[in-house]
Amino acid sequence: MINMIWAMDENNLVGIGDRIPWHIKEDLLYYKSKTKGQIVLMGDTTYYSLKGYYKEKPLPYGKIYVATIDKNLVIEGCHMVYDIISFLNDLDKDIDLWVVGGATIYKLSLPYANRLYISFVKGKYEGDRYFPKIDYSNYNLIWENDTDKVRYTLFERK
């Protein structure tokens, strides 16, 4: 099953450069509760951005797949994905994969996603990375929890 998880503001903004435009502790805790120890897929820019936070500590995931167009890039401890479409098409359906960013990886993975864990951050922020438009008619809203700063949702493909 392919799960996607991300936070976006009211304008579908997800990032500014290689950073998240907001700092909402409750959302970080929510993200960690879903992805810790899991099999994840991310782009190389997202990987390096996360390593900036974790410095010498390992990232808190199980198996890490890093997608890149740079066929010479090899990151120790990660499984490299040089063709994301083939990777997603060939993925064992019994594996729970979590797509964790960035914007290009989200855009390429969305047609394959079974579940969307979306944190709708309240307000509008400054940035330059946006989530693509979602046709919500393809999904059912399974769960939601509204807080002061974020509306957490889970959508499942029909």
N, C-alpha and C. Protein backbone atom coordinates (compact mmCIF):
# COMPACT_ATOMS: atom_id res chain seq x y z
N MET A 1 0.84 -1.17 0.00
CA MET A 1 0.00 0.00 0.00
C MET A 1 0.89 1.24 0.00
N ILE A 2 0.51 2.20 -0.80
CA ILE A 2 1.28 3.44 -0.87
C ILE A 2 0.54 4.52 -0.10
N ASN A 3 1.20 4.99 0.96
CA ASN A 3 0.70 6.07 1.80
C ASN A 3 1.50 7.33 1.48
N MET A 4 0.82 8.45 1.44
CA MET A 4 1.52 9.72 1.29
C MET A 4 1.18 10.56 2.51
N ILE A 5 2.17 11.27 3.04
CA ILE A 5 1.94 12.10 4.20
C ILE A 5 2.64 13.44 3.99
N TRP A 6 1.89 14.52 4.25
CA TRP A 6 2.46 15.85 4.12
C TRP A 6 1.57 16.87 4.81
N ALA A 7 2.12 18.05 5.01
CA ALA A 7 1.38 19.19 5.52
C ALA A 7 1.40 20.26 4.45
N MET A 8 0.26 20.97 4.33
CA MET A 8 0.20 22.07 3.38
C MET A 8 -0.72 23.15 3.93
N ASP A 9 -0.45 24.39 3.51
CA ASP A 9 -1.28 25.50 3.98
C ASP A 9 -2.51 25.63 3.09
N GLU A 10 -3.24 26.72 3.28
CA GLU A 10 -4.50 26.93 2.55
C GLU A 10 -4.30 27.10 1.05
N ASN A 11 -3.07 27.37 0.61
CA ASN A 11 -2.76 27.52 -0.81
C ASN A 11 -2.01 26.33 -1.39
N ASN A 12 -2.04 25.19 -0.69
CA ASN A 12 -1.30 23.97 -1.08
C ASN A 12 0.21 24.13 -1.00
N LEU A 13 0.68 25.13 -0.28
CA LEU A 13 2.11 25.34 -0.09
C LEU A 13 2.66 24.25 0.82
N VAL A 14 3.80 23.65 0.40
CA VAL A 14 4.44 22.61 1.21
C VAL A 14 5.87 22.97 1.61
N GLY A 15 6.46 23.96 0.95
CA GLY A 15 7.85 24.25 1.27
C GLY A 15 8.33 25.59 0.78
N ILE A 16 9.48 25.95 1.34
CA ILE A 16 10.22 27.12 0.89
C ILE A 16 11.67 26.64 0.73
N GLY A 17 12.10 26.51 -0.52
CA GLY A 17 13.40 25.90 -0.76
C GLY A 17 13.34 24.45 -0.31
N ASP A 18 14.25 24.07 0.56
CA ASP A 18 14.26 22.70 1.07
C ASP A 18 13.78 22.62 2.52
N ARG A 19 12.98 23.60 2.93
CA ARG A 19 12.49 23.65 4.32
C ARG A 19 10.96 23.72 4.35
N ILE A 20 10.40 23.43 5.51
CA ILE A 20 8.97 23.60 5.76
C ILE A 20 8.77 25.04 6.24
N PRO A 21 7.77 25.75 5.71
CA PRO A 21 7.61 27.17 6.04
C PRO A 21 7.06 27.46 7.44
N TRP A 22 6.72 26.48 8.20
CA TRP A 22 6.15 26.68 9.53
C TRP A 22 6.81 25.71 10.49
N HIS A 23 6.65 25.97 11.77
CA HIS A 23 7.11 25.04 12.80
C HIS A 23 5.95 24.81 13.75
N ILE A 24 5.30 23.67 13.60
CA ILE A 24 4.16 23.31 14.43
C ILE A 24 4.50 21.98 15.09
N LYS A 25 4.84 22.06 16.36
CA LYS A 25 5.33 20.87 17.08
C LYS A 25 4.34 19.71 17.02
N GLU A 26 3.05 19.99 17.20
CA GLU A 26 2.07 18.90 17.19
C GLU A 26 2.06 18.17 15.85
N ASP A 27 2.28 18.90 14.76
CA ASP A 27 2.28 18.25 13.45
C ASP A 27 3.55 17.41 13.27
N LEU A 28 4.68 17.88 13.76
CA LEU A 28 5.90 17.08 13.70
C LEU A 28 5.74 15.78 14.49
N LEU A 29 5.11 15.86 15.65
CA LEU A 29 4.87 14.66 16.45
C LEU A 29 3.93 13.69 15.73
N TYR A 30 2.90 14.25 15.08
CA TYR A 30 1.97 13.42 14.31
C TYR A 30 2.71 12.71 13.18
N TYR A 31 3.51 13.46 12.43
CA TYR A 31 4.30 12.90 11.33
C TYR A 31 5.20 11.76 11.84
N LYS A 32 5.90 12.01 12.92
CA LYS A 32 6.80 10.99 13.48
C LYS A 32 6.04 9.76 13.92
N SER A 33 4.84 9.95 14.49
CA SER A 33 4.06 8.81 14.96
C SER A 33 3.63 7.90 13.81
N LYS A 34 3.50 8.45 12.63
CA LYS A 34 3.09 7.66 11.46
C LYS A 34 4.28 7.04 10.74
N THR A 35 5.42 7.74 10.69
CA THR A 35 6.52 7.31 9.82
C THR A 35 7.70 6.65 10.54
N LYS A 36 7.79 6.78 11.85
CA LYS A 36 8.94 6.22 12.56
C LYS A 36 9.03 4.71 12.34
N GLY A 37 10.20 4.26 11.89
CA GLY A 37 10.45 2.84 11.66
C GLY A 37 9.85 2.29 10.38
N GLN A 38 9.21 3.13 9.59
CA GLN A 38 8.52 2.68 8.39
C GLN A 38 9.43 2.69 7.16
N ILE A 39 8.97 2.06 6.10
CA ILE A 39 9.64 2.10 4.79
C ILE A 39 9.21 3.40 4.13
N VAL A 40 10.18 4.24 3.75
CA VAL A 40 9.84 5.55 3.20
C VAL A 40 10.50 5.76 1.85
N LEU A 41 9.87 6.64 1.07
CA LEU A 41 10.40 7.10 -0.20
C LEU A 41 10.47 8.61 -0.14
N MET A 42 11.63 9.16 -0.50
CA MET A 42 11.80 10.61 -0.54
C MET A 42 12.75 10.96 -1.66
N GLY A 43 12.73 12.23 -2.04
CA GLY A 43 13.68 12.71 -3.02
C GLY A 43 15.01 13.02 -2.36
N ASP A 44 16.05 13.17 -3.17
CA ASP A 44 17.37 13.43 -2.62
C ASP A 44 17.43 14.78 -1.89
N THR A 45 16.71 15.79 -2.37
CA THR A 45 16.71 17.09 -1.69
C THR A 45 16.09 16.96 -0.30
N THR A 46 15.00 16.21 -0.20
CA THR A 46 14.36 15.99 1.10
C THR A 46 15.30 15.22 2.02
N TYR A 47 15.98 14.22 1.49
CA TYR A 47 16.93 13.46 2.30
C TYR A 47 17.98 14.39 2.91
N TYR A 48 18.60 15.22 2.08
CA TYR A 48 19.65 16.12 2.59
C TYR A 48 19.09 17.16 3.55
N SER A 49 17.87 17.60 3.31
CA SER A 49 17.24 18.54 4.24
C SER A 49 17.03 17.90 5.61
N LEU A 50 16.52 16.67 5.62
CA LEU A 50 16.32 15.96 6.89
C LEU A 50 17.64 15.69 7.60
N LYS A 51 18.67 15.34 6.83
CA LYS A 51 19.99 15.12 7.46
C LYS A 51 20.51 16.40 8.11
N GLY A 52 20.09 17.55 7.63
CA GLY A 52 20.46 18.81 8.26
C GLY A 52 19.91 18.93 9.67
N TYR A 53 18.76 18.32 9.90
CA TYR A 53 18.17 18.33 11.24
C TYR A 53 18.75 17.23 12.12
N TYR A 54 19.01 16.08 11.53
CA TYR A 54 19.46 14.93 12.30
C TYR A 54 20.97 14.85 12.46
N LYS A 55 21.71 15.63 11.68
CA LYS A 55 23.17 15.72 11.75
C LYS A 55 23.81 14.33 11.82
N GLU A 56 24.34 13.96 12.98
CA GLU A 56 25.06 12.68 13.13
C GLU A 56 24.13 11.50 13.45
N LYS A 57 22.88 11.79 13.80
CA LYS A 57 21.94 10.72 14.15
C LYS A 57 21.32 10.14 12.88
N PRO A 58 20.99 8.84 12.91
CA PRO A 58 20.32 8.26 11.74
C PRO A 58 18.88 8.78 11.62
N LEU A 59 18.37 8.81 10.41
CA LEU A 59 16.97 9.19 10.22
C LEU A 59 16.09 8.13 10.87
N PRO A 60 14.92 8.54 11.39
CA PRO A 60 14.10 7.63 12.21
C PRO A 60 13.20 6.68 11.42
N TYR A 61 13.67 6.24 10.27
CA TYR A 61 12.86 5.37 9.44
C TYR A 61 13.45 3.97 9.42
N GLY A 62 12.67 3.03 8.88
CA GLY A 62 13.18 1.69 8.65
C GLY A 62 14.02 1.72 7.39
N LYS A 63 13.49 1.19 6.33
CA LYS A 63 14.17 1.18 5.04
C LYS A 63 13.91 2.53 4.34
N ILE A 64 14.98 3.10 3.77
CA ILE A 64 14.87 4.40 3.12
C ILE A 64 15.18 4.25 1.63
N TYR A 65 14.22 4.65 0.81
CA TYR A 65 14.42 4.75 -0.63
C TYR A 65 14.58 6.23 -0.97
N VAL A 66 15.62 6.56 -1.71
CA VAL A 66 15.86 7.93 -2.13
C VAL A 66 15.79 7.99 -3.65
N ALA A 67 14.86 8.80 -4.16
CA ALA A 67 14.69 8.96 -5.60
C ALA A 67 15.52 10.13 -6.09
N THR A 68 16.17 9.93 -7.22
CA THR A 68 17.00 10.97 -7.81
C THR A 68 17.11 10.75 -9.31
N ILE A 69 17.39 11.82 -10.03
CA ILE A 69 17.66 11.66 -11.47
C ILE A 69 19.17 11.54 -11.72
N ASP A 70 19.96 11.74 -10.66
CA ASP A 70 21.42 11.64 -10.76
C ASP A 70 21.83 10.17 -10.63
N LYS A 71 22.06 9.53 -11.75
CA LYS A 71 22.37 8.09 -11.75
C LYS A 71 23.71 7.76 -11.09
N ASN A 72 24.52 8.76 -10.80
CA ASN A 72 25.79 8.55 -10.11
C ASN A 72 25.68 8.71 -8.60
N LEU A 73 24.54 9.20 -8.14
CA LEU A 73 24.38 9.43 -6.70
C LEU A 73 24.13 8.12 -5.96
N VAL A 74 24.92 7.89 -4.93
CA VAL A 74 24.73 6.75 -4.04
C VAL A 74 24.83 7.29 -2.62
N ILE A 75 23.83 6.99 -1.80
CA ILE A 75 23.82 7.44 -0.41
C ILE A 75 23.91 6.21 0.48
N GLU A 76 24.96 6.15 1.27
CA GLU A 76 25.18 5.00 2.14
C GLU A 76 23.99 4.78 3.06
N GLY A 77 23.56 3.53 3.14
CA GLY A 77 22.45 3.17 4.03
C GLY A 77 21.08 3.36 3.40
N CYS A 78 21.03 3.86 2.16
CA CYS A 78 19.77 4.08 1.47
C CYS A 78 19.71 3.23 0.20
N HIS A 79 18.52 2.95 -0.23
CA HIS A 79 18.28 2.24 -1.49
C HIS A 79 17.94 3.31 -2.52
N MET A 80 18.71 3.36 -3.58
CA MET A 80 18.55 4.41 -4.58
C MET A 80 17.48 4.02 -5.60
N VAL A 81 16.66 5.00 -5.97
CA VAL A 81 15.62 4.84 -6.98
C VAL A 81 15.92 5.82 -8.09
N TYR A 82 16.26 5.30 -9.25
CA TYR A 82 16.60 6.16 -10.38
C TYR A 82 15.44 6.29 -11.37
N ASP A 83 14.43 5.44 -11.24
CA ASP A 83 13.23 5.50 -12.07
C ASP A 83 12.02 5.30 -11.15
N ILE A 84 11.45 6.41 -10.68
CA ILE A 84 10.40 6.34 -9.66
C ILE A 84 9.13 5.68 -10.19
N ILE A 85 8.80 5.90 -11.45
CA ILE A 85 7.58 5.30 -12.01
C ILE A 85 7.70 3.78 -12.04
N SER A 86 8.82 3.26 -12.51
CA SER A 86 9.03 1.81 -12.50
C SER A 86 9.02 1.28 -11.07
N PHE A 87 9.65 2.01 -10.16
CA PHE A 87 9.69 1.60 -8.76
C PHE A 87 8.27 1.47 -8.20
N LEU A 88 7.43 2.46 -8.42
CA LEU A 88 6.07 2.44 -7.90
C LEU A 88 5.22 1.36 -8.58
N ASN A 89 5.42 1.18 -9.88
CA ASN A 89 4.67 0.13 -10.60
C ASN A 89 5.05 -1.26 -10.14
N ASP A 90 6.33 -1.46 -9.80
CA ASP A 90 6.83 -2.78 -9.44
C ASP A 90 6.78 -3.07 -7.93
N LEU A 91 6.35 -2.11 -7.14
CA LEU A 91 6.33 -2.26 -5.69
C LEU A 91 5.41 -3.40 -5.27
N ASP A 92 5.91 -4.25 -4.40
CA ASP A 92 5.13 -5.35 -3.84
C ASP A 92 3.92 -4.75 -3.11
N LYS A 93 2.73 -5.21 -3.49
CA LYS A 93 1.48 -4.65 -2.93
C LYS A 93 1.34 -4.91 -1.43
N ASP A 94 2.11 -5.85 -0.88
CA ASP A 94 2.04 -6.15 0.55
C ASP A 94 2.91 -5.22 1.38
N ILE A 95 3.71 -4.38 0.72
CA ILE A 95 4.60 -3.46 1.43
C ILE A 95 3.87 -2.15 1.71
N ASP A 96 4.00 -1.67 2.94
CA ASP A 96 3.49 -0.34 3.29
C ASP A 96 4.61 0.66 3.05
N LEU A 97 4.46 1.46 2.02
CA LEU A 97 5.43 2.50 1.69
C LEU A 97 4.85 3.85 2.06
N TRP A 98 5.69 4.69 2.67
CA TRP A 98 5.30 6.05 3.02
C TRP A 98 6.08 7.03 2.17
N VAL A 99 5.39 7.80 1.36
CA VAL A 99 6.01 8.84 0.54
C VAL A 99 6.05 10.10 1.39
N VAL A 100 7.28 10.63 1.62
CA VAL A 100 7.45 11.73 2.57
C VAL A 100 8.02 13.01 1.93
N GLY A 101 8.05 13.09 0.61
CA GLY A 101 8.45 14.34 -0.03
C GLY A 101 9.67 14.23 -0.88
N GLY A 102 9.99 15.27 -1.53
CA GLY A 102 9.39 16.58 -1.60
C GLY A 102 8.36 16.70 -2.70
N ALA A 103 8.18 17.95 -3.16
CA ALA A 103 7.10 18.30 -4.06
C ALA A 103 7.08 17.45 -5.34
N THR A 104 8.23 17.24 -5.96
CA THR A 104 8.28 16.45 -7.19
C THR A 104 7.93 14.99 -6.93
N ILE A 105 8.43 14.46 -5.83
CA ILE A 105 8.13 13.06 -5.48
C ILE A 105 6.65 12.90 -5.19
N TYR A 106 6.05 13.87 -4.51
CA TYR A 106 4.61 13.84 -4.27
C TYR A 106 3.84 13.84 -5.59
N LYS A 107 4.21 14.72 -6.49
CA LYS A 107 3.51 14.83 -7.77
C LYS A 107 3.58 13.52 -8.55
N LEU A 108 4.75 12.89 -8.60
CA LEU A 108 4.92 11.65 -9.33
C LEU A 108 4.23 10.46 -8.65
N SER A 109 4.12 10.49 -7.33
CA SER A 109 3.56 9.37 -6.57
C SER A 109 2.04 9.43 -6.42
N LEU A 110 1.47 10.62 -6.53
CA LEU A 110 0.03 10.78 -6.27
C LEU A 110 -0.85 9.80 -7.06
N PRO A 111 -0.60 9.56 -8.34
CA PRO A 111 -1.48 8.62 -9.06
C PRO A 111 -1.44 7.18 -8.52
N TYR A 112 -0.42 6.84 -7.74
CA TYR A 112 -0.26 5.49 -7.21
C TYR A 112 -0.71 5.35 -5.76
N ALA A 113 -1.02 6.46 -5.12
CA ALA A 113 -1.28 6.47 -3.68
C ALA A 113 -2.64 5.87 -3.34
N ASN A 114 -2.63 5.03 -2.30
CA ASN A 114 -3.86 4.46 -1.76
C ASN A 114 -4.44 5.32 -0.65
N ARG A 115 -3.54 5.90 0.15
CA ARG A 115 -3.97 6.71 1.30
C ARG A 115 -3.21 8.03 1.32
N LEU A 116 -3.95 9.09 1.66
CA LEU A 116 -3.37 10.42 1.77
C LEU A 116 -3.55 10.91 3.21
N TYR A 117 -2.46 11.08 3.91
CA TYR A 117 -2.48 11.64 5.27
C TYR A 117 -2.10 13.11 5.12
N ILE A 118 -3.11 13.97 5.10
CA ILE A 118 -2.88 15.39 4.85
C ILE A 118 -3.11 16.18 6.13
N SER A 119 -2.10 16.97 6.48
CA SER A 119 -2.23 17.94 7.57
C SER A 119 -2.49 19.29 6.92
N PHE A 120 -3.72 19.79 7.06
CA PHE A 120 -4.08 21.09 6.51
C PHE A 120 -3.72 22.16 7.54
N VAL A 121 -2.60 22.84 7.30
CA VAL A 121 -2.13 23.88 8.20
C VAL A 121 -3.00 25.12 8.00
N LYS A 122 -3.51 25.66 9.08
CA LYS A 122 -4.38 26.83 8.99
C LYS A 122 -3.55 28.08 8.75
N GLY A 123 -3.98 28.88 7.80
CA GLY A 123 -3.28 30.11 7.47
C GLY A 123 -2.57 30.01 6.13
N LYS A 124 -1.95 31.12 5.75
CA LYS A 124 -1.21 31.21 4.50
C LYS A 124 0.22 31.61 4.82
N TYR A 125 1.16 30.91 4.19
CA TYR A 125 2.58 31.12 4.45
C TYR A 125 3.30 31.48 3.17
N GLU A 126 4.54 31.91 3.30
CA GLU A 126 5.38 32.24 2.15
C GLU A 126 6.22 31.02 1.78
N GLY A 127 6.35 30.77 0.48
CA GLY A 127 7.17 29.67 0.03
C GLY A 127 7.15 29.53 -1.48
N ASP A 128 7.73 28.44 -1.98
CA ASP A 128 7.84 28.26 -3.42
C ASP A 128 7.62 26.82 -3.88
N ARG A 129 7.19 25.94 -2.98
CA ARG A 129 6.93 24.54 -3.34
C ARG A 129 5.48 24.23 -3.00
N TYR A 130 4.74 23.74 -3.99
CA TYR A 130 3.31 23.50 -3.83
C TYR A 130 2.95 22.07 -4.13
N PHE A 131 1.92 21.59 -3.45
CA PHE A 131 1.39 20.27 -3.73
C PHE A 131 0.48 20.40 -4.94
N PRO A 132 0.51 19.40 -5.85
CA PRO A 132 -0.37 19.49 -7.02
C PRO A 132 -1.84 19.42 -6.62
N LYS A 133 -2.68 19.92 -7.49
CA LYS A 133 -4.13 19.88 -7.25
C LYS A 133 -4.59 18.43 -7.13
N ILE A 134 -5.42 18.17 -6.16
CA ILE A 134 -5.93 16.82 -5.90
C ILE A 134 -7.39 16.75 -6.32
N ASP A 135 -7.76 15.71 -7.04
CA ASP A 135 -9.16 15.46 -7.36
C ASP A 135 -9.73 14.62 -6.22
N TYR A 136 -10.34 15.31 -5.25
CA TYR A 136 -10.84 14.62 -4.06
C TYR A 136 -12.01 13.68 -4.36
N SER A 137 -12.60 13.77 -5.56
CA SER A 137 -13.68 12.85 -5.91
C SER A 137 -13.17 11.41 -6.05
N ASN A 138 -11.84 11.24 -6.16
CA ASN A 138 -11.25 9.91 -6.23
C ASN A 138 -11.02 9.28 -4.86
N TYR A 139 -11.33 10.02 -3.79
CA TYR A 139 -11.02 9.59 -2.43
C TYR A 139 -12.22 9.74 -1.51
N ASN A 140 -12.23 8.93 -0.47
CA ASN A 140 -13.19 9.08 0.62
C ASN A 140 -12.44 9.62 1.83
N LEU A 141 -13.05 10.55 2.53
CA LEU A 141 -12.50 11.03 3.79
C LEU A 141 -12.82 9.99 4.85
N ILE A 142 -11.78 9.38 5.42
CA ILE A 142 -11.94 8.29 6.38
C ILE A 142 -11.90 8.79 7.83
N TRP A 143 -11.08 9.82 8.05
CA TRP A 143 -10.85 10.29 9.42
C TRP A 143 -10.41 11.74 9.37
N GLU A 144 -10.79 12.50 10.40
CA GLU A 144 -10.25 13.85 10.55
C GLU A 144 -10.26 14.25 12.02
N ASN A 145 -9.31 15.13 12.34
CA ASN A 145 -9.21 15.68 13.69
C ASN A 145 -8.79 17.14 13.55
N ASP A 146 -9.62 18.02 14.06
CA ASP A 146 -9.38 19.45 13.91
C ASP A 146 -8.80 20.02 15.21
N THR A 147 -7.66 20.72 15.09
CA THR A 147 -7.06 21.40 16.23
C THR A 147 -6.98 22.90 15.91
N ASP A 148 -6.43 23.67 16.82
CA ASP A 148 -6.32 25.12 16.59
C ASP A 148 -5.47 25.46 15.37
N LYS A 149 -4.41 24.70 15.15
CA LYS A 149 -3.45 25.04 14.09
C LYS A 149 -3.53 24.17 12.84
N VAL A 150 -4.05 22.93 12.99
CA VAL A 150 -4.01 21.96 11.90
C VAL A 150 -5.29 21.13 11.88
N ARG A 151 -5.76 20.82 10.66
CA ARG A 151 -6.83 19.83 10.51
C ARG A 151 -6.17 18.60 9.89
N TYR A 152 -6.12 17.52 10.66
CA TYR A 152 -5.51 16.27 10.23
C TYR A 152 -6.58 15.44 9.52
N THR A 153 -6.19 14.84 8.37
CA THR A 153 -7.16 14.05 7.61
C THR A 153 -6.50 12.78 7.08
N LEU A 154 -7.36 11.82 6.81
CA LEU A 154 -6.94 10.61 6.11
C LEU A 154 -7.96 10.37 5.00
N PHE A 155 -7.47 10.37 3.76
CA PHE A 155 -8.29 10.06 2.60
C PHE A 155 -7.84 8.72 2.05
N GLU A 156 -8.82 7.93 1.61
CA GLU A 156 -8.51 6.63 1.02
C GLU A 156 -9.09 6.57 -0.39
N ARG A 157 -8.29 6.04 -1.32
CA ARG A 157 -8.74 5.96 -2.72
C ARG A 157 -9.98 5.08 -2.80
N LYS A 158 -10.95 5.52 -3.61
CA LYS A 158 -12.21 4.75 -3.80
C LYS A 158 -11.94 3.49 -4.58
